Full PDB file with SEQRES, HELIX, SHEET, SSBOND, CRYST1, ORIGX, SCALE, CONECT and MASTER records, all heavy atoms in Angstrom:
SEQRES   1 A   32  MET MET ASN ASP GLY VAL ILE HIS ARG LYS THR LEU ALA          
SEQRES   2 A   32  GLY ASP LEU SER VAL ILE ARG PHE THR SER TYR ALA PHE          
SEQRES   3 A   32  ASP LEU SER ALA PHE MET                                      
SHEET    1 AA1 2 MET A   2  LYS A  10  0                                        
SHEET    2 AA1 2 LEU A  16  TYR A  24 -1                                        
CRYST1    1.000    1.000    1.000  90.00  90.00  90.00 P 1           1          
ORIGX1      1.000000  0.000000  0.000000        0.00000                         
ORIGX2      0.000000  1.000000  0.000000        0.00000                         
ORIGX3      0.000000  0.000000  1.000000        0.00000                         
SCALE1      1.000000  0.000000  0.000000        0.00000                         
SCALE2      0.000000  1.000000  0.000000        0.00000                         
SCALE3      0.000000  0.000000  1.000000        0.00000                         
ATOM      1  N   MET A   1      -8.897  -7.597  -0.465  1.00  0.00           N  
ATOM      2  CA  MET A   1      -8.926  -6.999   0.866  1.00  0.00           C  
ATOM      3  C   MET A   1      -7.746  -7.541   1.670  1.00  0.00           C  
ATOM      4  O   MET A   1      -7.652  -8.743   1.921  1.00  0.00           O  
ATOM      5  CB  MET A   1     -10.245  -7.326   1.572  1.00  0.00           C  
ATOM      6  CG  MET A   1     -10.388  -6.676   2.943  1.00  0.00           C  
ATOM      7  SD  MET A   1     -10.380  -4.873   2.861  1.00  0.00           S  
ATOM      8  CE  MET A   1     -11.953  -4.582   2.032  1.00  0.00           C  
ATOM      9  N   MET A   2      -6.840  -6.642   2.083  1.00  0.00           N  
ATOM     10  CA  MET A   2      -5.656  -7.016   2.845  1.00  0.00           C  
ATOM     11  C   MET A   2      -5.810  -6.569   4.291  1.00  0.00           C  
ATOM     12  O   MET A   2      -6.266  -5.449   4.566  1.00  0.00           O  
ATOM     13  CB  MET A   2      -4.411  -6.378   2.223  1.00  0.00           C  
ATOM     14  CG  MET A   2      -4.114  -6.881   0.822  1.00  0.00           C  
ATOM     15  SD  MET A   2      -2.592  -6.184   0.106  1.00  0.00           S  
ATOM     16  CE  MET A   2      -3.158  -4.515  -0.282  1.00  0.00           C  
ATOM     17  N   ASN A   3      -5.401  -7.438   5.224  1.00  0.00           N  
ATOM     18  CA  ASN A   3      -5.540  -7.168   6.655  1.00  0.00           C  
ATOM     19  C   ASN A   3      -4.179  -7.234   7.345  1.00  0.00           C  
ATOM     20  O   ASN A   3      -3.349  -8.093   7.016  1.00  0.00           O  
ATOM     21  CB  ASN A   3      -6.491  -8.182   7.312  1.00  0.00           C  
ATOM     22  CG  ASN A   3      -7.865  -8.191   6.655  1.00  0.00           C  
ATOM     23  OD1 ASN A   3      -8.406  -7.133   6.340  1.00  0.00           O  
ATOM     24  ND2 ASN A   3      -8.420  -9.382   6.456  1.00  0.00           N  
ATOM     25  N   ASP A   4      -4.005  -6.303   8.322  1.00  0.00           N  
ATOM     26  CA  ASP A   4      -2.823  -6.288   9.187  1.00  0.00           C  
ATOM     27  C   ASP A   4      -1.536  -6.259   8.346  1.00  0.00           C  
ATOM     28  O   ASP A   4      -0.817  -7.247   8.247  1.00  0.00           O  
ATOM     29  CB  ASP A   4      -2.826  -7.503  10.119  1.00  0.00           C  
ATOM     30  CG  ASP A   4      -1.751  -7.387  11.200  1.00  0.00           C  
ATOM     31  OD1 ASP A   4      -1.169  -6.291  11.353  1.00  0.00           O  
ATOM     32  OD2 ASP A   4      -1.489  -8.402  11.870  1.00  0.00           O  
ATOM     33  N   GLY A   5      -1.270  -5.104   7.761  1.00  0.00           N  
ATOM     34  CA  GLY A   5      -0.095  -5.012   6.916  1.00  0.00           C  
ATOM     35  C   GLY A   5       0.527  -3.623   6.918  1.00  0.00           C  
ATOM     36  O   GLY A   5       0.147  -2.750   7.707  1.00  0.00           O  
ATOM     37  N   VAL A   6       1.472  -3.429   6.003  1.00  0.00           N  
ATOM     38  CA  VAL A   6       2.183  -2.157   5.891  1.00  0.00           C  
ATOM     39  C   VAL A   6       2.307  -1.786   4.420  1.00  0.00           C  
ATOM     40  O   VAL A   6       2.262  -2.655   3.534  1.00  0.00           O  
ATOM     41  CB  VAL A   6       3.583  -2.213   6.527  1.00  0.00           C  
ATOM     42  CG1 VAL A   6       3.485  -2.421   8.033  1.00  0.00           C  
ATOM     43  CG2 VAL A   6       4.418  -3.312   5.884  1.00  0.00           C  
ATOM     44  N   ILE A   7       2.486  -0.449   4.186  1.00  0.00           N  
ATOM     45  CA  ILE A   7       2.733   0.069   2.848  1.00  0.00           C  
ATOM     46  C   ILE A   7       4.043   0.829   2.880  1.00  0.00           C  
ATOM     47  O   ILE A   7       4.207   1.758   3.673  1.00  0.00           O  
ATOM     48  CB  ILE A   7       1.601   1.006   2.373  1.00  0.00           C  
ATOM     49  CG1 ILE A   7       0.247   0.287   2.403  1.00  0.00           C  
ATOM     50  CG2 ILE A   7       1.897   1.523   0.970  1.00  0.00           C  
ATOM     51  CD1 ILE A   7      -0.912   1.188   2.052  1.00  0.00           C  
ATOM     52  N   HIS A   8       4.989   0.433   2.033  1.00  0.00           N  
ATOM     53  CA  HIS A   8       6.260   1.139   1.892  1.00  0.00           C  
ATOM     54  C   HIS A   8       6.166   2.017   0.640  1.00  0.00           C  
ATOM     55  O   HIS A   8       5.946   1.499  -0.464  1.00  0.00           O  
ATOM     56  CB  HIS A   8       7.423   0.161   1.755  1.00  0.00           C  
ATOM     57  CG  HIS A   8       7.696  -0.606   3.001  1.00  0.00           C  
ATOM     58  ND1 HIS A   8       8.777  -0.330   3.812  1.00  0.00           N  
ATOM     59  CD2 HIS A   8       7.043  -1.633   3.587  1.00  0.00           C  
ATOM     60  CE1 HIS A   8       8.771  -1.166   4.844  1.00  0.00           C  
ATOM     61  NE2 HIS A   8       7.720  -1.969   4.724  1.00  0.00           N  
ATOM     62  N   ARG A   9       6.338   3.324   0.860  1.00  0.00           N  
ATOM     63  CA  ARG A   9       6.280   4.271  -0.253  1.00  0.00           C  
ATOM     64  C   ARG A   9       7.647   4.933  -0.410  1.00  0.00           C  
ATOM     65  O   ARG A   9       8.136   5.590   0.516  1.00  0.00           O  
ATOM     66  CB  ARG A   9       5.201   5.333  -0.008  1.00  0.00           C  
ATOM     67  CG  ARG A   9       4.997   6.296  -1.176  1.00  0.00           C  
ATOM     68  CD  ARG A   9       3.894   7.291  -0.844  1.00  0.00           C  
ATOM     69  NE  ARG A   9       3.583   8.138  -1.982  1.00  0.00           N  
ATOM     70  CZ  ARG A   9       4.249   9.241  -2.313  1.00  0.00           C  
ATOM     71  NH1 ARG A   9       5.283   9.650  -1.551  1.00  0.00           N  
ATOM     72  NH2 ARG A   9       3.899   9.952  -3.363  1.00  0.00           N  
ATOM     73  N   LYS A  10       8.267   4.734  -1.600  1.00  0.00           N  
ATOM     74  CA  LYS A  10       9.594   5.272  -1.832  1.00  0.00           C  
ATOM     75  C   LYS A  10       9.599   6.082  -3.120  1.00  0.00           C  
ATOM     76  O   LYS A  10       9.086   5.642  -4.141  1.00  0.00           O  
ATOM     77  CB  LYS A  10      10.626   4.138  -1.936  1.00  0.00           C  
ATOM     78  CG  LYS A  10      12.061   4.626  -2.075  1.00  0.00           C  
ATOM     79  CD  LYS A  10      13.038   3.459  -2.117  1.00  0.00           C  
ATOM     80  CE  LYS A  10      14.471   3.945  -2.238  1.00  0.00           C  
ATOM     81  NZ  LYS A  10      15.443   2.820  -2.270  1.00  0.00           N  
ATOM     82  N   THR A  11      10.175   7.295  -3.064  1.00  0.00           N  
ATOM     83  CA  THR A  11      10.262   8.167  -4.219  1.00  0.00           C  
ATOM     84  C   THR A  11      11.664   8.123  -4.807  1.00  0.00           C  
ATOM     85  O   THR A  11      12.600   7.580  -4.197  1.00  0.00           O  
ATOM     86  CB  THR A  11       9.899   9.610  -3.850  1.00  0.00           C  
ATOM     87  OG1 THR A  11      10.874  10.105  -2.918  1.00  0.00           O  
ATOM     88  CG2 THR A  11       8.507   9.678  -3.217  1.00  0.00           C  
ATOM     89  N   LEU A  12      11.837   8.729  -5.989  1.00  0.00           N  
ATOM     90  CA  LEU A  12      13.148   8.764  -6.628  1.00  0.00           C  
ATOM     91  C   LEU A  12      14.135   9.608  -5.832  1.00  0.00           C  
ATOM     92  O   LEU A  12      15.355   9.392  -5.907  1.00  0.00           O  
ATOM     93  CB  LEU A  12      13.015   9.328  -8.041  1.00  0.00           C  
ATOM     94  CG  LEU A  12      12.274   8.444  -9.060  1.00  0.00           C  
ATOM     95  CD1 LEU A  12      12.199   9.139 -10.409  1.00  0.00           C  
ATOM     96  CD2 LEU A  12      12.951   7.086  -9.204  1.00  0.00           C  
ATOM     97  N   ALA A  13      13.635  10.556  -5.052  1.00  0.00           N  
ATOM     98  CA  ALA A  13      14.512  11.393  -4.221  1.00  0.00           C  
ATOM     99  C   ALA A  13      15.055  10.644  -3.019  1.00  0.00           C  
ATOM    100  O   ALA A  13      15.912  11.156  -2.295  1.00  0.00           O  
ATOM    101  CB  ALA A  13      13.762  12.637  -3.767  1.00  0.00           C  
ATOM    102  N   GLY A  14      14.561   9.433  -2.782  1.00  0.00           N  
ATOM    103  CA  GLY A  14      15.025   8.646  -1.655  1.00  0.00           C  
ATOM    104  C   GLY A  14      14.146   8.736  -0.427  1.00  0.00           C  
ATOM    105  O   GLY A  14      14.461   8.121   0.601  1.00  0.00           O  
ATOM    106  N   ASP A  15      13.061   9.504  -0.491  1.00  0.00           N  
ATOM    107  CA  ASP A  15      12.152   9.606   0.648  1.00  0.00           C  
ATOM    108  C   ASP A  15      11.409   8.295   0.834  1.00  0.00           C  
ATOM    109  O   ASP A  15      10.858   7.733  -0.117  1.00  0.00           O  
ATOM    110  CB  ASP A  15      11.158  10.748   0.431  1.00  0.00           C  
ATOM    111  CG  ASP A  15      11.854  12.097   0.309  1.00  0.00           C  
ATOM    112  OD1 ASP A  15      12.927  12.244   0.929  1.00  0.00           O  
ATOM    113  OD2 ASP A  15      11.336  12.986  -0.397  1.00  0.00           O  
ATOM    114  N   LEU A  16      11.360   7.825   2.046  1.00  0.00           N  
ATOM    115  CA  LEU A  16      10.721   6.561   2.377  1.00  0.00           C  
ATOM    116  C   LEU A  16       9.727   6.773   3.499  1.00  0.00           C  
ATOM    117  O   LEU A  16      10.055   7.380   4.526  1.00  0.00           O  
ATOM    118  CB  LEU A  16      11.753   5.505   2.780  1.00  0.00           C  
ATOM    119  CG  LEU A  16      11.200   4.134   3.195  1.00  0.00           C  
ATOM    120  CD1 LEU A  16      10.489   3.471   2.030  1.00  0.00           C  
ATOM    121  CD2 LEU A  16      12.326   3.245   3.732  1.00  0.00           C  
ATOM    122  N   SER A  17       8.527   6.293   3.302  1.00  0.00           N  
ATOM    123  CA  SER A  17       7.500   6.371   4.340  1.00  0.00           C  
ATOM    124  C   SER A  17       6.850   5.008   4.502  1.00  0.00           C  
ATOM    125  O   SER A  17       6.680   4.278   3.524  1.00  0.00           O  
ATOM    126  CB  SER A  17       6.450   7.429   3.985  1.00  0.00           C  
ATOM    127  OG  SER A  17       5.838   7.122   2.745  1.00  0.00           O  
ATOM    128  N   VAL A  18       6.522   4.688   5.732  1.00  0.00           N  
ATOM    129  CA  VAL A  18       5.905   3.404   6.058  1.00  0.00           C  
ATOM    130  C   VAL A  18       4.562   3.666   6.717  1.00  0.00           C  
ATOM    131  O   VAL A  18       4.477   4.421   7.691  1.00  0.00           O  
ATOM    132  CB  VAL A  18       6.805   2.565   6.990  1.00  0.00           C  
ATOM    133  CG1 VAL A  18       6.131   1.237   7.309  1.00  0.00           C  
ATOM    134  CG2 VAL A  18       8.165   2.331   6.341  1.00  0.00           C  
ATOM    135  N   ILE A  19       3.529   3.048   6.181  1.00  0.00           N  
ATOM    136  CA  ILE A  19       2.169   3.228   6.705  1.00  0.00           C  
ATOM    137  C   ILE A  19       1.635   1.866   7.123  1.00  0.00           C  
ATOM    138  O   ILE A  19       1.625   0.920   6.322  1.00  0.00           O  
ATOM    139  CB  ILE A  19       1.244   3.852   5.638  1.00  0.00           C  
ATOM    140  CG1 ILE A  19       1.819   5.183   5.140  1.00  0.00           C  
ATOM    141  CG2 ILE A  19      -0.159   4.045   6.190  1.00  0.00           C  
ATOM    142  CD1 ILE A  19       1.063   5.759   3.976  1.00  0.00           C  
ATOM    143  N   ARG A  20       1.206   1.779   8.347  1.00  0.00           N  
ATOM    144  CA  ARG A  20       0.590   0.541   8.826  1.00  0.00           C  
ATOM    145  C   ARG A  20      -0.924   0.637   8.657  1.00  0.00           C  
ATOM    146  O   ARG A  20      -1.501   1.706   8.838  1.00  0.00           O  
ATOM    147  CB  ARG A  20       0.950   0.294  10.297  1.00  0.00           C  
ATOM    148  CG  ARG A  20       2.424  -0.009  10.517  1.00  0.00           C  
ATOM    149  CD  ARG A  20       2.700  -0.435  11.962  1.00  0.00           C  
ATOM    150  NE  ARG A  20       4.094  -0.822  12.120  1.00  0.00           N  
ATOM    151  CZ  ARG A  20       4.552  -2.050  11.896  1.00  0.00           C  
ATOM    152  NH1 ARG A  20       3.717  -3.001  11.502  1.00  0.00           N  
ATOM    153  NH2 ARG A  20       5.828  -2.321  12.049  1.00  0.00           N  
ATOM    154  N   PHE A  21      -1.533  -0.469   8.365  1.00  0.00           N  
ATOM    155  CA  PHE A  21      -2.998  -0.458   8.208  1.00  0.00           C  
ATOM    156  C   PHE A  21      -3.582  -1.731   8.815  1.00  0.00           C  
ATOM    157  O   PHE A  21      -2.930  -2.788   8.874  1.00  0.00           O  
ATOM    158  CB  PHE A  21      -3.393  -0.332   6.734  1.00  0.00           C  
ATOM    159  CG  PHE A  21      -2.907  -1.456   5.851  1.00  0.00           C  
ATOM    160  CD1 PHE A  21      -3.600  -2.655   5.744  1.00  0.00           C  
ATOM    161  CD2 PHE A  21      -1.732  -1.316   5.114  1.00  0.00           C  
ATOM    162  CE1 PHE A  21      -3.149  -3.672   4.936  1.00  0.00           C  
ATOM    163  CE2 PHE A  21      -1.276  -2.332   4.293  1.00  0.00           C  
ATOM    164  CZ  PHE A  21      -1.986  -3.521   4.201  1.00  0.00           C  
ATOM    165  N   THR A  22      -4.808  -1.558   9.257  1.00  0.00           N  
ATOM    166  CA  THR A  22      -5.555  -2.710   9.759  1.00  0.00           C  
ATOM    167  C   THR A  22      -6.225  -3.454   8.613  1.00  0.00           C  
ATOM    168  O   THR A  22      -6.247  -4.689   8.570  1.00  0.00           O  
ATOM    169  CB  THR A  22      -6.614  -2.255  10.772  1.00  0.00           C  
ATOM    170  OG1 THR A  22      -5.983  -1.527  11.818  1.00  0.00           O  
ATOM    171  CG2 THR A  22      -7.356  -3.448  11.355  1.00  0.00           C  
ATOM    172  N   SER A  23      -6.796  -2.704   7.680  1.00  0.00           N  
ATOM    173  CA  SER A  23      -7.393  -3.295   6.483  1.00  0.00           C  
ATOM    174  C   SER A  23      -7.211  -2.321   5.326  1.00  0.00           C  
ATOM    175  O   SER A  23      -7.244  -1.094   5.516  1.00  0.00           O  
ATOM    176  CB  SER A  23      -8.879  -3.606   6.693  1.00  0.00           C  
ATOM    177  OG  SER A  23      -9.603  -2.423   6.956  1.00  0.00           O  
ATOM    178  N   TYR A  24      -7.023  -2.868   4.141  1.00  0.00           N  
ATOM    179  CA  TYR A  24      -6.802  -2.035   2.961  1.00  0.00           C  
ATOM    180  C   TYR A  24      -7.388  -2.777   1.756  1.00  0.00           C  
ATOM    181  O   TYR A  24      -7.159  -3.982   1.568  1.00  0.00           O  
ATOM    182  CB  TYR A  24      -5.305  -1.773   2.749  1.00  0.00           C  
ATOM    183  CG  TYR A  24      -4.999  -0.805   1.643  1.00  0.00           C  
ATOM    184  CD1 TYR A  24      -4.906   0.559   1.895  1.00  0.00           C  
ATOM    185  CD2 TYR A  24      -4.807  -1.249   0.327  1.00  0.00           C  
ATOM    186  CE1 TYR A  24      -4.624   1.466   0.873  1.00  0.00           C  
ATOM    187  CE2 TYR A  24      -4.525  -0.357  -0.690  1.00  0.00           C  
ATOM    188  CZ  TYR A  24      -4.433   1.006  -0.422  1.00  0.00           C  
ATOM    189  OH  TYR A  24      -4.160   1.891  -1.436  1.00  0.00           O  
ATOM    190  N   ALA A  25      -8.164  -2.051   0.933  1.00  0.00           N  
ATOM    191  CA  ALA A  25      -8.815  -2.645  -0.239  1.00  0.00           C  
ATOM    192  C   ALA A  25      -8.050  -2.258  -1.495  1.00  0.00           C  
ATOM    193  O   ALA A  25      -7.827  -1.061  -1.745  1.00  0.00           O  
ATOM    194  CB  ALA A  25     -10.263  -2.178  -0.329  1.00  0.00           C  
ATOM    195  N   PHE A  26      -7.668  -3.248  -2.248  1.00  0.00           N  
ATOM    196  CA  PHE A  26      -6.948  -3.031  -3.504  1.00  0.00           C  
ATOM    197  C   PHE A  26      -7.865  -3.467  -4.646  1.00  0.00           C  
ATOM    198  O   PHE A  26      -8.202  -4.646  -4.781  1.00  0.00           O  
ATOM    199  CB  PHE A  26      -5.649  -3.838  -3.523  1.00  0.00           C  
ATOM    200  CG  PHE A  26      -4.678  -3.416  -4.580  1.00  0.00           C  
ATOM    201  CD1 PHE A  26      -3.720  -2.443  -4.328  1.00  0.00           C  
ATOM    202  CD2 PHE A  26      -4.721  -3.967  -5.856  1.00  0.00           C  
ATOM    203  CE1 PHE A  26      -2.826  -2.041  -5.298  1.00  0.00           C  
ATOM    204  CE2 PHE A  26      -3.837  -3.585  -6.831  1.00  0.00           C  
ATOM    205  CZ  PHE A  26      -2.893  -2.608  -6.557  1.00  0.00           C  
ATOM    206  N   ASP A  27      -8.281  -2.503  -5.468  1.00  0.00           N  
ATOM    207  CA  ASP A  27      -9.258  -2.766  -6.529  1.00  0.00           C  
ATOM    208  C   ASP A  27      -8.590  -3.470  -7.708  1.00  0.00           C  
ATOM    209  O   ASP A  27      -7.595  -2.996  -8.261  1.00  0.00           O  
ATOM    210  CB  ASP A  27      -9.888  -1.452  -6.992  1.00  0.00           C  
ATOM    211  CG  ASP A  27     -11.083  -1.694  -7.913  1.00  0.00           C  
ATOM    212  OD1 ASP A  27     -11.505  -2.856  -8.041  1.00  0.00           O  
ATOM    213  OD2 ASP A  27     -11.585  -0.721  -8.497  1.00  0.00           O  
ATOM    214  N   LEU A  28      -9.166  -4.612  -8.116  1.00  0.00           N  
ATOM    215  CA  LEU A  28      -8.660  -5.381  -9.253  1.00  0.00           C  
ATOM    216  C   LEU A  28      -9.623  -5.387 -10.430  1.00  0.00           C  
ATOM    217  O   LEU A  28      -9.369  -6.061 -11.429  1.00  0.00           O  
ATOM    218  CB  LEU A  28      -8.393  -6.832  -8.824  1.00  0.00           C  
ATOM    219  CG  LEU A  28      -7.370  -7.041  -7.705  1.00  0.00           C  
ATOM    220  CD1 LEU A  28      -7.344  -8.503  -7.299  1.00  0.00           C  
ATOM    221  CD2 LEU A  28      -5.997  -6.585  -8.124  1.00  0.00           C  
ATOM    222  N   SER A  29     -10.725  -4.663 -10.324  1.00  0.00           N  
ATOM    223  CA  SER A  29     -11.771  -4.720 -11.347  1.00  0.00           C  
ATOM    224  C   SER A  29     -11.276  -4.197 -12.688  1.00  0.00           C  
ATOM    225  O   SER A  29     -11.636  -4.729 -13.746  1.00  0.00           O  
ATOM    226  CB  SER A  29     -12.989  -3.905 -10.902  1.00  0.00           C  
ATOM    227  OG  SER A  29     -13.467  -4.372  -9.647  1.00  0.00           O  
ATOM    228  N   ALA A  30     -10.452  -3.137 -12.659  1.00  0.00           N  
ATOM    229  CA  ALA A  30      -9.983  -2.546 -13.917  1.00  0.00           C  
ATOM    230  C   ALA A  30      -9.173  -3.535 -14.736  1.00  0.00           C  
ATOM    231  O   ALA A  30      -9.290  -3.590 -15.961  1.00  0.00           O  
ATOM    232  CB  ALA A  30      -9.155  -1.300 -13.626  1.00  0.00           C  
ATOM    233  N   PHE A  31      -8.367  -4.346 -14.049  1.00  0.00           N  
ATOM    234  CA  PHE A  31      -7.527  -5.310 -14.775  1.00  0.00           C  
ATOM    235  C   PHE A  31      -8.360  -6.454 -15.325  1.00  0.00           C  
ATOM    236  O   PHE A  31      -8.075  -7.006 -16.380  1.00  0.00           O  
ATOM    237  CB  PHE A  31      -6.441  -5.836 -13.859  1.00  0.00           C  
ATOM    238  CG  PHE A  31      -5.717  -4.744 -13.135  1.00  0.00           C  
ATOM    239  CD1 PHE A  31      -5.831  -4.609 -11.757  1.00  0.00           C  
ATOM    240  CD2 PHE A  31      -4.953  -3.824 -13.824  1.00  0.00           C  
ATOM    241  CE1 PHE A  31      -5.172  -3.603 -11.089  1.00  0.00           C  
ATOM    242  CE2 PHE A  31      -4.295  -2.811 -13.164  1.00  0.00           C  
ATOM    243  CZ  PHE A  31      -4.407  -2.697 -11.788  1.00  0.00           C  
ATOM    244  N   MET A  32      -9.405  -6.826 -14.618  1.00  0.00           N  
ATOM    245  CA  MET A  32     -10.285  -7.896 -15.091  1.00  0.00           C  
ATOM    246  C   MET A  32     -11.036  -7.488 -16.339  1.00  0.00           C  
ATOM    247  O   MET A  32     -11.115  -8.233 -17.308  1.00  0.00           O  
ATOM    248  CB  MET A  32     -11.280  -8.278 -14.005  1.00  0.00           C  
ATOM    249  CG  MET A  32     -10.667  -9.016 -12.846  1.00  0.00           C  
ATOM    250  SD  MET A  32     -11.950  -9.743 -11.868  1.00  0.00           S  
ATOM    251  CE  MET A  32     -12.826 -10.643 -13.110  1.00  0.00           C  
TER     252      MET A  32                                                      
MASTER        0    0    0    0    2    0    0    6  251    1    0    3          
END                                                                             
């Protein structure tokens, strides 16, 4: 669980988008 952060999304075409979030859940169960 990540709090107070940003997500940078960049494609091969060079498009860049920035998303701010208050909380974001990143699932790790599959890797475990």
